[in-house]
C-alpha atoms as a PDB file:
ATOM      1  CA  MET A   1       3.094   9.379  -4.964  1.00  0.00           C
ATOM      2  CA  TYR A   2       4.591   9.440  -1.538  1.00  0.00           C
ATOM      3  CA  MET A   3       6.896   6.545  -0.704  1.00  0.00           C
ATOM      4  CA  PHE A   4       5.744   6.283   2.942  1.00  0.00           C
ATOM      5  CA  LEU A   5       2.046   5.996   2.122  1.00  0.00           C
ATOM      6  CA  PRO A   6       1.805   2.179   1.883  1.00  0.00           C
ATOM      7  CA  PHE A   7       3.843   1.737   5.059  1.00  0.00           C
ATOM      8  CA  LEU A   8       1.652   4.316   6.892  1.00  0.00           C
ATOM      9  CA  ILE A   9      -1.581   2.531   5.832  1.00  0.00           C
ATOM     10  CA  ALA A  10      -0.131  -0.813   6.870  1.00  0.00           C
ATOM     11  CA  LEU A  11       0.843   0.569  10.279  1.00  0.00           C
ATOM     12  CA  LEU A  12      -2.557   2.103  10.792  1.00  0.00           C
ATOM     13  CA  SER A  13      -4.281  -1.063   9.696  1.00  0.00           C
ATOM     14  CA  SER A  14      -2.254  -3.288  12.090  1.00  0.00           C
ATOM     15  CA  ILE A  15      -2.750  -0.821  14.998  1.00  0.00           C
ATOM     16  CA  SER A  16      -6.475  -0.758  14.405  1.00  0.00           C
ATOM     17  CA  ILE A  17      -6.765  -4.537  14.266  1.00  0.00           C
ATOM     18  CA  PHE A  18      -4.562  -4.807  17.402  1.00  0.00           C
ATOM     19  CA  PHE A  19      -6.929  -2.516  19.273  1.00  0.00           C
ATOM     20  CA  GLY A  20     -10.043  -4.470  18.300  1.00  0.00           C
ATOM     21  CA  LYS A  21     -11.309  -2.235  15.494  1.00  0.00           C
ATOM     22  CA  LYS A  22     -11.359  -5.031  12.904  1.00  0.00           C
ATOM     23  CA  ARG A  23     -13.740  -3.357  10.436  1.00  0.00           C
ATOM     24  CA  THR A  24     -11.534  -0.333  10.233  1.00  0.00           C
ATOM     25  CA  GLY A  25      -8.438  -2.464   9.909  1.00  0.00           C
ATOM     26  CA  PHE A  26      -9.854  -4.512   7.121  1.00  0.00           C
ATOM     27  CA  TRP A  27     -10.917  -1.382   5.154  1.00  0.00           C
ATOM     28  CA  LEU A  28      -7.435  -0.009   5.625  1.00  0.00           C
ATOM     29  CA  TRP A  29      -5.948  -3.299   4.468  1.00  0.00           C
ATOM     30  CA  GLY A  30      -8.137  -3.122   1.303  1.00  0.00           C
ATOM     31  CA  LEU A  31      -6.996   0.457   0.757  1.00  0.00           C
ATOM     32  CA  LEU A  32      -3.433  -0.717   1.172  1.00  0.00           C
ATOM     33  CA  LEU A  33      -3.999  -3.383  -1.460  1.00  0.00           C
ATOM     34  CA  ILE A  34      -5.475  -0.907  -3.962  1.00  0.00           C
ATOM     35  CA  VAL A  35      -2.716   1.658  -3.412  1.00  0.00           C
ATOM     36  CA  SER A  36       0.017  -1.038  -3.820  1.00  0.00           C
ATOM     37  CA  LEU A  37      -1.566  -2.269  -7.094  1.00  0.00           C
ATOM     38  CA  VAL A  38      -2.015   1.221  -8.529  1.00  0.00           C
ATOM     39  CA  TRP A  39       1.554   2.130  -7.488  1.00  0.00           C
ATOM     40  CA  PHE A  40       2.921  -1.110  -9.068  1.00  0.00           C
ATOM     41  CA  ASN A  41       1.000  -0.339 -12.344  1.00  0.00           C
ATOM     42  CA  TYR A  42       2.331   3.229 -12.309  1.00  0.00           C
ATOM     43  CA  HIS A  43       5.944   2.154 -11.951  1.00  0.00           C
ATOM     44  CA  SER A  44       5.914  -0.995 -14.118  1.00  0.00           C
ATOM     45  CA  THR A  45       4.639   0.529 -17.325  1.00  0.00           C
ATOM     46  CA  ASP A  46       8.020   2.074 -18.405  1.00  0.00           C
ATOM     47  CA  LEU A  47      10.701   0.157 -20.244  1.00  0.00           C
ATOM     48  CA  LEU A  48      14.032  -0.403 -18.513  1.00  0.00           C
ATOM     49  CA  ASN A  49      16.951   1.030 -20.467  1.00  0.00           C
ATOM     50  CA  LEU A  50      19.719  -1.210 -19.245  1.00  0.00           C
ATOM     51  CA  SER A  51      23.182  -0.994 -20.833  1.00  0.00           C
ATOM     52  CA  PHE A  52      25.761  -3.531 -19.885  1.00  0.00           C
END
């Protein structure tokens, strides 16, 4: 996954809400929520091998 994707979706969502396209903004916000949860699940399933 690309690291900039959640930030890009958040930017597009805020811009669309700012310009009055609330329906598009809310759909993008929902997409941002889904992408963030999937990305968290993808990265949080591995064990951390920490050695101190």
